[in-house]
């Protein structure tokens, strides 16, 4: 499936969750899809490494801007750059960020596939109908079935939609952030980015706001 980039959405706040998301990406990559994993390809890895430390002291004064930069980059990938979205519903309850991304993808007319092989669910074995109805209740329960499900969704015609000005602004900002991050030296692994590098990325990406 060369040429198709898939946004992989789901929980990513512990080793087990990251492992699950990485497994989803690998299944898709093995058949030729490109993938975007927020914890691997976005800015989430930077903020996550401070989750159990004095984060605010390390990036004093830029937390709100950093949050918006993360949001903008992910929205750009989700709505403009990626061809479709796979959402991982695993967990006692679905991840909050994934729910927002699923709703954004649905509103933007983006092909959407849900995956869940976890028996836990909050409503007598079912997830919230406001979430599952985004895919008419069709949920893939075998990770190896994801590529076929994606191919089927990608083959279905979708009508263009109109986006709000705020969403367009976030996408534009995310595109600039993506360009800036891709221009950084390859050897500069994200987990080793200094606070100063992050400040420079945010300052440069938001100068046109």
Protein backbone atom coordinates (compact mmCIF):
# COMPACT_ATOMS: atom_id res chain seq x y z
CA UNK A 1 0.00 0.00 0.00
CA UNK A 2 2.74 2.39 -1.00
CA UNK A 3 1.76 6.04 -0.87
CA UNK A 4 -0.73 5.69 1.99
CA UNK A 5 0.22 7.17 5.36
CA UNK A 6 -1.84 6.00 8.35
CA UNK A 7 -2.31 7.91 11.59
CA UNK A 8 -2.17 5.49 14.53
CA UNK A 9 -4.15 6.84 17.49
CA UNK A 10 -4.37 5.38 20.96
CA UNK A 11 -2.95 5.28 24.49
CA UNK A 12 0.80 5.83 24.82
CA UNK A 13 1.57 6.59 28.46
CA UNK A 14 3.31 3.38 29.59
CA UNK A 15 5.51 0.69 28.07
CA UNK A 16 2.57 -1.68 27.57
CA UNK A 17 0.52 0.94 25.73
CA UNK A 18 3.47 2.00 23.58
CA UNK A 19 4.10 -1.65 22.75
CA UNK A 20 0.50 -2.07 21.62
CA UNK A 21 0.63 1.01 19.40
CA UNK A 22 3.99 -0.04 17.94
CA UNK A 23 2.55 -3.49 17.14
CA UNK A 24 -0.33 -1.86 15.23
CA UNK A 25 2.11 0.27 13.24
CA UNK A 26 4.30 -2.74 12.44
CA UNK A 27 1.38 -4.77 11.07
CA UNK A 28 0.54 -1.89 8.75
CA UNK A 29 4.16 -1.19 7.77
CA UNK A 30 4.74 -4.87 6.97
CA UNK A 31 2.22 -4.62 4.12
CA UNK A 32 3.61 -1.34 2.79
CA UNK A 33 1.71 1.40 4.63
CA UNK A 34 3.60 4.35 6.07
CA UNK A 35 2.56 5.22 9.61
CA UNK A 36 2.54 8.18 11.98
CA UNK A 37 2.88 7.28 15.65
CA UNK A 38 2.61 10.34 17.92
CA UNK A 39 4.97 8.94 20.56
CA UNK A 40 7.56 8.07 17.89
CA UNK A 41 7.12 10.74 15.22
CA UNK A 42 5.52 13.66 17.07
CA UNK A 43 6.53 15.81 20.02
CA UNK A 44 4.84 13.61 22.62
CA UNK A 45 8.07 11.80 23.43
CA UNK A 46 9.53 15.09 24.62
CA UNK A 47 6.70 15.90 27.01
CA UNK A 48 6.30 12.28 28.18
CA UNK A 49 9.84 12.08 29.48
CA UNK A 50 8.97 14.74 32.07
CA UNK A 51 5.74 13.10 33.22
CA UNK A 52 7.25 11.99 36.55
CA UNK A 53 9.66 14.87 37.08
CA UNK A 54 9.69 18.61 37.64
CA UNK A 55 8.34 19.24 34.15
CA UNK A 56 7.15 22.78 34.72
CA UNK A 57 10.51 23.79 36.14
CA UNK A 58 12.26 22.46 33.05
CA UNK A 59 10.06 24.25 30.52
CA UNK A 60 8.75 27.12 32.59
CA UNK A 61 6.62 29.54 30.61
CA UNK A 62 6.12 27.43 27.49
CA UNK A 63 3.84 24.58 28.62
CA UNK A 64 0.70 26.08 27.04
CA UNK A 65 2.52 26.79 23.79
CA UNK A 66 4.03 23.31 23.81
CA UNK A 67 0.57 21.77 24.26
CA UNK A 68 -0.74 23.73 21.27
CA UNK A 69 2.30 22.78 19.19
CA UNK A 70 1.68 19.08 19.95
CA UNK A 71 -2.01 19.51 19.10
CA UNK A 72 -1.23 21.36 15.86
CA UNK A 73 1.30 18.81 14.63
CA UNK A 74 -1.02 15.90 15.40
CA UNK A 75 -4.03 17.61 13.76
CA UNK A 76 -1.96 18.34 10.64
CA UNK A 77 -0.92 14.68 10.40
CA UNK A 78 -4.43 13.45 11.20
CA UNK A 79 -6.43 15.60 8.79
CA UNK A 80 -4.09 16.67 6.00
CA UNK A 81 -1.06 14.43 5.69
CA UNK A 82 -2.41 10.97 6.55
CA UNK A 83 -4.77 9.02 4.30
CA UNK A 84 -6.69 7.25 7.08
CA UNK A 85 -6.80 6.78 10.85
CA UNK A 86 -6.60 3.63 12.98
CA UNK A 87 -7.85 4.04 16.56
CA UNK A 88 -6.85 1.63 19.31
CA UNK A 89 -9.72 1.33 21.82
CA UNK A 90 -7.87 -1.01 24.19
CA UNK A 91 -7.91 -0.14 27.88
CA UNK A 92 -10.38 -0.05 30.76
CA UNK A 93 -11.83 2.98 28.96
CA UNK A 94 -10.68 4.38 25.60
CA UNK A 95 -7.89 6.96 25.72
CA UNK A 96 -9.16 10.56 25.93
CA UNK A 97 -6.83 11.87 23.23
CA UNK A 98 -7.82 9.03 20.90
CA UNK A 99 -11.50 9.92 21.35
CA UNK A 100 -10.81 13.51 20.27
CA UNK A 101 -8.76 12.34 17.29
CA UNK A 102 -11.50 9.88 16.25
CA UNK A 103 -14.10 12.66 16.37
CA UNK A 104 -11.88 15.02 14.38
CA UNK A 105 -11.22 12.34 11.75
CA UNK A 106 -14.95 11.59 11.48
CA UNK A 107 -15.85 15.28 11.15
CA UNK A 108 -13.15 15.75 8.51
CA UNK A 109 -14.44 12.80 6.45
CA UNK A 110 -11.25 10.80 7.00
CA UNK A 111 -11.42 6.97 6.57
CA UNK A 112 -11.59 5.58 10.10
CA UNK A 113 -10.92 2.08 11.46
CA UNK A 114 -11.39 1.01 15.10
CA UNK A 115 -9.36 -1.81 16.67
CA UNK A 116 -9.97 -3.56 19.99
CA UNK A 117 -8.88 -6.97 21.28
CA UNK A 118 -9.43 -6.08 24.96
CA UNK A 119 -12.48 -7.55 26.69
CA UNK A 120 -12.77 -4.61 29.09
CA UNK A 121 -15.47 -2.05 28.32
CA UNK A 122 -17.36 0.41 30.55
CA UNK A 123 -20.97 -0.35 29.55
CA UNK A 124 -21.75 -4.05 30.05
CA UNK A 125 -19.16 -5.12 27.50
CA UNK A 126 -19.68 -2.18 25.15
CA UNK A 127 -17.88 1.11 24.68
CA UNK A 128 -19.77 4.41 24.59
CA UNK A 129 -22.15 4.49 21.63
CA UNK A 130 -21.11 8.08 20.84
CA UNK A 131 -17.69 6.64 20.04
CA UNK A 132 -18.52 3.31 18.39
CA UNK A 133 -21.18 4.88 16.17
CA UNK A 134 -18.43 6.81 14.38
CA UNK A 135 -17.72 3.50 12.61
CA UNK A 136 -21.29 2.13 12.77
CA UNK A 137 -20.19 -0.32 15.46
CA UNK A 138 -17.71 -2.11 13.18
CA UNK A 139 -14.62 -2.85 15.28
CA UNK A 140 -11.68 -4.99 14.15
CA UNK A 141 -10.74 -7.50 16.88
CA UNK A 142 -7.69 -9.13 15.26
CA UNK A 143 -4.62 -7.01 14.66
CA UNK A 144 -3.76 -8.97 11.52
CA UNK A 145 -7.12 -7.94 10.00
CA UNK A 146 -6.27 -4.23 10.17
CA UNK A 147 -4.64 -3.94 6.70
CA UNK A 148 -7.69 -5.41 4.93
CA UNK A 149 -10.06 -3.23 6.96
CA UNK A 150 -8.03 -0.17 6.00
CA UNK A 151 -7.94 -1.09 2.32
CA UNK A 152 -11.73 -1.47 2.36
CA UNK A 153 -12.23 1.93 3.99
CA UNK A 154 -9.76 3.62 1.65
CA UNK A 155 -11.66 2.26 -1.34
CA UNK A 156 -14.86 3.99 -0.23
CA UNK A 157 -15.47 7.46 -1.64
CA UNK A 158 -15.69 10.32 0.85
CA UNK A 159 -17.06 13.78 0.18
CA UNK A 160 -14.93 16.87 0.87
CA UNK A 161 -15.82 18.77 4.04
CA UNK A 162 -15.43 22.36 5.17
CA UNK A 163 -13.13 22.94 8.16
CA UNK A 164 -13.43 25.72 10.73
CA UNK A 165 -10.98 28.62 10.65
CA UNK A 166 -9.49 27.52 13.99
CA UNK A 167 -8.89 24.02 12.67
CA UNK A 168 -7.35 25.36 9.48
CA UNK A 169 -5.04 27.54 11.59
CA UNK A 170 -3.95 24.54 13.67
CA UNK A 171 -3.29 22.49 10.51
CA UNK A 172 -1.22 25.32 9.01
CA UNK A 173 0.76 25.65 12.22
CA UNK A 174 1.28 21.89 12.40
CA UNK A 175 2.59 21.86 8.85
CA UNK A 176 5.22 24.46 9.78
CA UNK A 177 6.19 22.47 12.88
CA UNK A 178 6.53 19.29 10.80
CA UNK A 179 8.80 21.09 8.34
CA UNK A 180 10.96 22.48 11.15
CA UNK A 181 11.30 19.11 12.89
CA UNK A 182 12.24 17.38 9.63
CA UNK A 183 15.00 19.93 9.09
CA UNK A 184 16.70 19.10 12.41
CA UNK A 185 19.89 17.01 12.18
CA UNK A 186 19.14 13.30 11.93
CA UNK A 187 21.48 12.54 14.80
CA UNK A 188 19.42 14.75 17.11
CA UNK A 189 17.18 12.05 18.56
CA UNK A 190 13.98 13.48 19.99
CA UNK A 191 14.48 12.10 23.47
CA UNK A 192 17.75 14.06 23.66
CA UNK A 193 16.30 17.37 22.48
CA UNK A 194 17.25 20.10 24.90
CA UNK A 195 14.66 22.50 26.29
CA UNK A 196 16.30 25.21 24.19
CA UNK A 197 15.74 23.24 20.97
CA UNK A 198 12.07 22.85 21.88
CA UNK A 199 11.79 26.58 22.58
CA UNK A 200 13.31 27.34 19.19
CA UNK A 201 10.94 24.93 17.42
CA UNK A 202 7.90 26.45 19.13
CA UNK A 203 9.05 30.04 18.58
CA UNK A 204 9.74 29.44 14.90
CA UNK A 205 6.52 27.53 14.29
CA UNK A 206 4.28 30.13 15.92
CA UNK A 207 5.83 33.29 14.51
CA UNK A 208 3.09 33.55 11.87
CA UNK A 209 0.19 33.16 14.30
